[in-house]
Amino acid sequence: MRENAVMQARVSLSKDNAVYLVADLGSMNLRLELQGVTLASLPIDEVRLNKHAERLLTGDDSVRMLATPFALSGDRWFELNRAVATVDSSSTDSKPDTTGARMELIRTQPVTAMLTYDRRLTMVLEGQPPRTRWQKLKDKAKTWLQSWSSGTLAATLRRQSADEVMITLEMAPADVRSLAPTLVDGAKLILVPREDTADSDHTL
């Protein structure tokens, strides 16, 4: 039934001339599609679901929810390094990148995109460079501490996660930034859950 719901969502966009995102939690990739044709496929390193997202993907209403694509109502970007080019091209340097320094920043500097969709869904694209297990533990502890300080990104995410469905996709920073031009208001998102999501109480 969930597979049929996802197919119904894709069929509903088959005659639309706008690109849309497909977050495939089973295949661990985020696809950019147009009329069923994949334009780009970006790997997902890790998927984290809050309690509301787990309930969405396993509850009785999940089939109905998945059959209708979500519509983007807003996006917020958080850059660790403000010099990195993101959505606003006017913030970039006018000087040519002769040393490759800017490309290295785009490839490696952490970035977070918080995408707000209708039906109280928030999808967080967390751009992180490769890290060791120890670095991930340190970052997790640091994020937890920051989540209790008002005005921080971690605090914003914690508050939003308490009230809304939140799906966090950890990806390469450059891949997250590559999606910026496609994230216009009203852009559609199709969610594809893991096949065994209904039998699991754990995050992916």
C-alpha atoms as a PDB file:
ATOM      1  CA  MET A   1       0.000   0.000   0.000  1.00  0.00           C
ATOM      2  CA  ARG A   2       2.870   2.375   0.744  1.00  0.00           C
ATOM      3  CA  GLU A   3       4.507   1.550  -2.601  1.00  0.00           C
ATOM      4  CA  ASN A   4       1.234   2.287  -4.378  1.00  0.00           C
ATOM      5  CA  ALA A   5       0.928   5.569  -2.474  1.00  0.00           C
ATOM      6  CA  VAL A   6       4.395   6.647  -3.630  1.00  0.00           C
ATOM      7  CA  MET A   7       3.562   5.675  -7.217  1.00  0.00           C
ATOM      8  CA  GLN A   8       0.364   7.712  -6.991  1.00  0.00           C
ATOM      9  CA  ALA A   9       2.388  10.716  -5.803  1.00  0.00           C
ATOM     10  CA  ARG A  10       4.764  10.400  -8.767  1.00  0.00           C
ATOM     11  CA  VAL A  11       1.896   9.998 -11.248  1.00  0.00           C
ATOM     12  CA  SER A  12       0.298  13.159  -9.879  1.00  0.00           C
ATOM     13  CA  LEU A  13       3.408  15.086 -10.963  1.00  0.00           C
ATOM     14  CA  SER A  14       3.880  13.349 -14.322  1.00  0.00           C
ATOM     15  CA  LYS A  15       2.283  16.192 -16.283  1.00  0.00           C
ATOM     16  CA  ASP A  16       3.914  18.965 -14.272  1.00  0.00           C
ATOM     17  CA  ASN A  17       6.801  20.821 -15.884  1.00  0.00           C
ATOM     18  CA  ALA A  18       8.469  21.633 -12.547  1.00  0.00           C
ATOM     19  CA  VAL A  19      11.266  19.600 -10.961  1.00  0.00           C
ATOM     20  CA  TYR A  20      10.619  17.897  -7.628  1.00  0.00           C
ATOM     21  CA  LEU A  21      12.562  16.020  -4.951  1.00  0.00           C
ATOM     22  CA  VAL A  22      12.224  12.356  -4.039  1.00  0.00           C
ATOM     23  CA  ALA A  23      13.639  11.509  -0.609  1.00  0.00           C
ATOM     24  CA  ASP A  24      14.165   7.744  -0.854  1.00  0.00           C
ATOM     25  CA  LEU A  25      14.944   6.603   2.681  1.00  0.00           C
ATOM     26  CA  GLY A  26      15.295   2.975   1.593  1.00  0.00           C
ATOM     27  CA  SER A  27      17.801   3.541  -1.188  1.00  0.00           C
ATOM     28  CA  MET A  28      19.514   6.310   0.826  1.00  0.00           C
ATOM     29  CA  ASN A  29      19.446   8.856  -1.960  1.00  0.00           C
ATOM     30  CA  LEU A  30      17.803  12.192  -2.679  1.00  0.00           C
ATOM     31  CA  ARG A  31      16.732  12.471  -6.297  1.00  0.00           C
ATOM     32  CA  LEU A  32      15.869  15.483  -8.388  1.00  0.00           C
ATOM     33  CA  GLU A  33      13.241  14.421 -10.921  1.00  0.00           C
ATOM     34  CA  LEU A  34      11.185  15.854 -13.757  1.00  0.00           C
ATOM     35  CA  GLN A  35       8.123  13.953 -15.018  1.00  0.00           C
ATOM     36  CA  GLY A  36       9.497  10.705 -13.593  1.00  0.00           C
ATOM     37  CA  VAL A  37      12.983  11.150 -15.073  1.00  0.00           C
ATOM     38  CA  THR A  38      15.905  11.374 -12.647  1.00  0.00           C
ATOM     39  CA  LEU A  39      17.998  14.481 -13.312  1.00  0.00           C
ATOM     40  CA  ALA A  40      20.372  13.999 -10.373  1.00  0.00           C
ATOM     41  CA  SER A  41      20.808  11.459  -7.585  1.00  0.00           C
ATOM     42  CA  LEU A  42      22.617  12.518  -4.413  1.00  0.00           C
ATOM     43  CA  PRO A  43      23.720   9.993  -1.765  1.00  0.00           C
ATOM     44  CA  ILE A  44      22.426  10.240   1.802  1.00  0.00           C
ATOM     45  CA  ASP A  45      24.935   9.267   4.491  1.00  0.00           C
ATOM     46  CA  GLU A  46      22.478   9.047   7.376  1.00  0.00           C
ATOM     47  CA  VAL A  47      18.753   9.483   8.033  1.00  0.00           C
ATOM     48  CA  ARG A  48      17.370  10.597  11.383  1.00  0.00           C
ATOM     49  CA  LEU A  49      13.655  10.640  12.190  1.00  0.00           C
ATOM     50  CA  ASN A  50      12.096  12.332  15.186  1.00  0.00           C
ATOM     51  CA  LYS A  51       9.184  10.691  16.991  1.00  0.00           C
ATOM     52  CA  HIS A  52       6.612  12.499  14.842  1.00  0.00           C
ATOM     53  CA  ALA A  53       8.294  11.292  11.636  1.00  0.00           C
ATOM     54  CA  GLU A  54       8.333   7.704  12.875  1.00  0.00           C
ATOM     55  CA  ARG A  55       4.629   7.983  13.634  1.00  0.00           C
ATOM     56  CA  LEU A  56       3.961   9.452  10.176  1.00  0.00           C
ATOM     57  CA  LEU A  57       5.730   6.618   8.371  1.00  0.00           C
ATOM     58  CA  THR A  58       4.226   3.822  10.467  1.00  0.00           C
ATOM     59  CA  GLY A  59       0.759   5.083  11.419  1.00  0.00           C
ATOM     60  CA  ASP A  60      -2.614   4.371   9.875  1.00  0.00           C
ATOM     61  CA  ASP A  61      -2.586   7.693   8.004  1.00  0.00           C
ATOM     62  CA  SER A  62       0.825   7.122   6.414  1.00  0.00           C
ATOM     63  CA  VAL A  63      -0.545   5.814   3.102  1.00  0.00           C
ATOM     64  CA  ARG A  64      -2.806   8.830   2.637  1.00  0.00           C
ATOM     65  CA  MET A  65       0.011  11.208   3.579  1.00  0.00           C
ATOM     66  CA  LEU A  66       2.539   9.620   1.215  1.00  0.00           C
ATOM     67  CA  ALA A  67       0.131   9.622  -1.735  1.00  0.00           C
ATOM     68  CA  THR A  68       0.115  13.423  -1.883  1.00  0.00           C
ATOM     69  CA  PRO A  69       3.411  15.242  -2.522  1.00  0.00           C
ATOM     70  CA  PHE A  70       4.442  17.785   0.098  1.00  0.00           C
ATOM     71  CA  ALA A  71       4.800  21.428  -1.007  1.00  0.00           C
ATOM     72  CA  LEU A  72       7.706  23.620   0.088  1.00  0.00           C
ATOM     73  CA  SER A  73       6.631  26.746   1.949  1.00  0.00           C
ATOM     74  CA  GLY A  74      10.030  28.113   2.964  1.00  0.00           C
ATOM     75  CA  ASP A  75      13.734  27.403   3.310  1.00  0.00           C
ATOM     76  CA  ARG A  76      16.328  28.703   5.744  1.00  0.00           C
ATOM     77  CA  TRP A  77      20.080  28.316   5.309  1.00  0.00           C
ATOM     78  CA  PHE A  78      22.729  28.249   7.993  1.00  0.00           C
ATOM     79  CA  GLU A  79      26.374  28.577   6.951  1.00  0.00           C
ATOM     80  CA  LEU A  80      29.293  28.059   9.310  1.00  0.00           C
ATOM     81  CA  ASN A  81      31.415  30.131   6.930  1.00  0.00           C
ATOM     82  CA  ARG A  82      29.540  33.138   5.554  1.00  0.00           C
ATOM     83  CA  ALA A  83      31.964  33.461   2.657  1.00  0.00           C
ATOM     84  CA  VAL A  84      30.602  30.301   1.060  1.00  0.00           C
ATOM     85  CA  ALA A  85      28.173  30.861  -1.805  1.00  0.00           C
ATOM     86  CA  THR A  86      24.631  29.631  -1.097  1.00  0.00           C
ATOM     87  CA  VAL A  87      21.234  30.772  -2.282  1.00  0.00           C
ATOM     88  CA  ASP A  88      22.139  34.464  -2.478  1.00  0.00           C
ATOM     89  CA  SER A  89      24.624  34.884  -5.308  1.00  0.00           C
ATOM     90  CA  SER A  90      25.200  38.512  -4.347  1.00  0.00           C
ATOM     91  CA  SER A  91      27.090  37.311  -1.278  1.00  0.00           C
ATOM     92  CA  THR A  92      29.814  35.695  -3.358  1.00  0.00           C
ATOM     93  CA  ASP A  93      33.130  37.311  -4.167  1.00  0.00           C
ATOM     94  CA  SER A  94      33.478  38.919  -7.578  1.00  0.00           C
ATOM     95  CA  LYS A  95      37.111  37.880  -7.782  1.00  0.00           C
ATOM     96  CA  PRO A  96      37.941  34.747  -9.798  1.00  0.00           C
ATOM     97  CA  ASP A  97      38.777  31.651  -7.759  1.00  0.00           C
ATOM     98  CA  THR A  98      42.271  31.113  -9.138  1.00  0.00           C
ATOM     99  CA  THR A  99      43.494  29.022  -6.195  1.00  0.00           C
ATOM    100  CA  GLY A 100      40.463  26.751  -5.823  1.00  0.00           C
ATOM    101  CA  ALA A 101      39.942  27.975  -2.251  1.00  0.00           C
ATOM    102  CA  ARG A 102      36.252  28.747  -2.768  1.00  0.00           C
ATOM    103  CA  MET A 103      35.555  25.356  -4.317  1.00  0.00           C
ATOM    104  CA  GLU A 104      37.268  23.722  -1.348  1.00  0.00           C
ATOM    105  CA  LEU A 105      35.022  25.683   1.024  1.00  0.00           C
ATOM    106  CA  ILE A 106      31.918  24.679  -0.914  1.00  0.00           C
ATOM    107  CA  ARG A 107      33.021  21.051  -0.829  1.00  0.00           C
ATOM    108  CA  THR A 108      33.961  20.822   2.847  1.00  0.00           C
ATOM    109  CA  GLN A 109      32.377  23.562   4.989  1.00  0.00           C
ATOM    110  CA  PRO A 110      29.296  22.422   6.955  1.00  0.00           C
ATOM    111  CA  VAL A 111      25.949  23.806   5.857  1.00  0.00           C
ATOM    112  CA  THR A 112      22.384  23.213   7.017  1.00  0.00           C
ATOM    113  CA  ALA A 113      19.230  23.796   4.990  1.00  0.00           C
ATOM    114  CA  MET A 114      15.957  23.696   6.923  1.00  0.00           C
ATOM    115  CA  LEU A 115      13.099  23.106   4.476  1.00  0.00           C
ATOM    116  CA  THR A 116       9.563  23.698   5.717  1.00  0.00           C
ATOM    117  CA  TYR A 117       6.750  21.886   3.908  1.00  0.00           C
ATOM    118  CA  ASP A 118       2.996  21.860   4.317  1.00  0.00           C
ATOM    119  CA  ARG A 119       1.318  19.428   6.728  1.00  0.00           C
ATOM    120  CA  ARG A 120       3.880  20.350   9.385  1.00  0.00           C
ATOM    121  CA  LEU A 121       6.852  18.596   7.802  1.00  0.00           C
ATOM    122  CA  THR A 122      10.402  19.873   8.190  1.00  0.00           C
ATOM    123  CA  MET A 123      13.218  18.266   6.214  1.00  0.00           C
ATOM    124  CA  VAL A 124      16.708  19.183   7.342  1.00  0.00           C
ATOM    125  CA  LEU A 125      19.572  18.771   4.876  1.00  0.00           C
ATOM    126  CA  GLU A 126      22.687  18.632   7.009  1.00  0.00           C
ATOM    127  CA  GLY A 127      25.833  19.038   4.931  1.00  0.00           C
ATOM    128  CA  GLN A 128      28.750  17.475   6.795  1.00  0.00           C
ATOM    129  CA  PRO A 129      32.226  16.522   5.541  1.00  0.00           C
ATOM    130  CA  PRO A 130      33.492  12.995   6.305  1.00  0.00           C
ATOM    131  CA  ARG A 131      34.092  12.545  10.045  1.00  0.00           C
ATOM    132  CA  THR A 132      35.476   9.825  12.281  1.00  0.00           C
ATOM    133  CA  ARG A 133      33.245   8.163  14.871  1.00  0.00           C
ATOM    134  CA  TRP A 134      35.000  10.153  17.602  1.00  0.00           C
ATOM    135  CA  GLN A 135      34.380  13.422  15.746  1.00  0.00           C
ATOM    136  CA  LYS A 136      30.714  12.535  15.378  1.00  0.00           C
ATOM    137  CA  LEU A 137      30.426  11.893  19.118  1.00  0.00           C
ATOM    138  CA  LYS A 138      32.097  15.215  19.897  1.00  0.00           C
ATOM    139  CA  ASP A 139      29.810  17.027  17.468  1.00  0.00           C
ATOM    140  CA  LYS A 140      26.765  15.327  18.960  1.00  0.00           C
ATOM    141  CA  ALA A 141      27.732  16.434  22.476  1.00  0.00           C
ATOM    142  CA  LYS A 142      28.447  19.966  21.261  1.00  0.00           C
ATOM    143  CA  THR A 143      25.107  20.142  19.457  1.00  0.00           C
ATOM    144  CA  TRP A 144      23.253  18.925  22.546  1.00  0.00           C
ATOM    145  CA  LEU A 145      24.827  21.651  24.660  1.00  0.00           C
ATOM    146  CA  GLN A 146      24.075  24.306  22.053  1.00  0.00           C
ATOM    147  CA  SER A 147      20.453  23.176  21.818  1.00  0.00           C
ATOM    148  CA  TRP A 148      19.823  24.706  25.246  1.00  0.00           C
ATOM    149  CA  SER A 149      21.217  28.101  24.251  1.00  0.00           C
ATOM    150  CA  SER A 150      18.641  30.392  22.666  1.00  0.00           C
ATOM    151  CA  GLY A 151      19.436  31.792  19.262  1.00  0.00           C
ATOM    152  CA  THR A 152      21.509  28.826  18.066  1.00  0.00           C
ATOM    153  CA  LEU A 153      20.687  26.562  15.136  1.00  0.00           C
ATOM    154  CA  ALA A 154      20.622  23.554  17.462  1.00  0.00           C
ATOM    155  CA  ALA A 155      18.023  25.258  19.660  1.00  0.00           C
ATOM    156  CA  THR A 156      15.886  26.130  16.638  1.00  0.00           C
ATOM    157  CA  LEU A 157      15.974  22.533  15.416  1.00  0.00           C
ATOM    158  CA  ARG A 158      15.177  21.169  18.892  1.00  0.00           C
ATOM    159  CA  ARG A 159      12.111  23.391  19.238  1.00  0.00           C
ATOM    160  CA  GLN A 160      10.859  22.603  15.744  1.00  0.00           C
ATOM    161  CA  SER A 161      11.455  18.878  16.238  1.00  0.00           C
ATOM    162  CA  ALA A 162       9.303  18.933  19.368  1.00  0.00           C
ATOM    163  CA  ASP A 163       6.269  20.185  17.438  1.00  0.00           C
ATOM    164  CA  GLU A 164       6.587  19.033  13.849  1.00  0.00           C
ATOM    165  CA  VAL A 165       7.504  16.027  11.740  1.00  0.00           C
ATOM    166  CA  MET A 166      11.257  16.278  11.175  1.00  0.00           C
ATOM    167  CA  ILE A 167      13.398  14.196   8.836  1.00  0.00           C
ATOM    168  CA  THR A 168      17.133  14.934   8.883  1.00  0.00           C
ATOM    169  CA  LEU A 169      19.291  13.841   5.959  1.00  0.00           C
ATOM    170  CA  GLU A 170      23.036  13.997   6.467  1.00  0.00           C
ATOM    171  CA  MET A 171      24.786  14.548   3.142  1.00  0.00           C
ATOM    172  CA  ALA A 172      27.953  15.999   1.631  1.00  0.00           C
ATOM    173  CA  PRO A 173      28.038  19.825   1.924  1.00  0.00           C
ATOM    174  CA  ALA A 174      28.510  20.346  -1.819  1.00  0.00           C
ATOM    175  CA  ASP A 175      25.473  18.148  -2.561  1.00  0.00           C
ATOM    176  CA  VAL A 176      23.284  20.159  -0.188  1.00  0.00           C
ATOM    177  CA  ARG A 177      24.355  23.439  -1.781  1.00  0.00           C
ATOM    178  CA  SER A 178      23.755  22.093  -5.287  1.00  0.00           C
ATOM    179  CA  LEU A 179      20.031  21.885  -4.498  1.00  0.00           C
ATOM    180  CA  ALA A 180      19.658  25.586  -3.664  1.00  0.00           C
ATOM    181  CA  PRO A 181      18.439  26.753  -7.140  1.00  0.00           C
ATOM    182  CA  THR A 182      15.634  24.171  -7.179  1.00  0.00           C
ATOM    183  CA  LEU A 183      14.177  25.007  -3.774  1.00  0.00           C
ATOM    184  CA  VAL A 184      11.546  27.539  -4.779  1.00  0.00           C
ATOM    185  CA  ASP A 185       8.273  28.029  -2.928  1.00  0.00           C
ATOM    186  CA  GLY A 186       5.780  25.335  -3.868  1.00  0.00           C
ATOM    187  CA  ALA A 187       8.443  22.838  -4.979  1.00  0.00           C
ATOM    188  CA  LYS A 188       7.148  19.325  -4.366  1.00  0.00           C
ATOM    189  CA  LEU A 189       8.650  16.538  -2.249  1.00  0.00           C
ATOM    190  CA  ILE A 190       7.826  12.830  -2.401  1.00  0.00           C
ATOM    191  CA  LEU A 191       8.759  10.675   0.585  1.00  0.00           C
ATOM    192  CA  VAL A 192       9.697   7.033   0.045  1.00  0.00           C
ATOM    193  CA  PRO A 193       9.948   5.159   3.376  1.00  0.00           C
ATOM    194  CA  ARG A 194      12.100   2.131   4.015  1.00  0.00           C
ATOM    195  CA  GLU A 195      10.316  -1.153   3.379  1.00  0.00           C
ATOM    196  CA  ASP A 196      10.812  -2.287   6.986  1.00  0.00           C
ATOM    197  CA  THR A 197       9.935   1.082   8.549  1.00  0.00           C
ATOM    198  CA  ALA A 198       6.622  -0.268   9.742  1.00  0.00           C
ATOM    199  CA  ASP A 199       8.408  -3.027  11.671  1.00  0.00           C
ATOM    200  CA  SER A 200      11.043  -0.809  13.278  1.00  0.00           C
ATOM    201  CA  ASP A 201      10.920   1.617  16.189  1.00  0.00           C
ATOM    202  CA  HIS A 202      14.428   2.976  15.528  1.00  0.00           C
ATOM    203  CA  THR A 203      15.780   5.787  13.451  1.00  0.00           C
ATOM    204  CA  LEU A 204      17.620   4.855  10.279  1.00  0.00           C
END
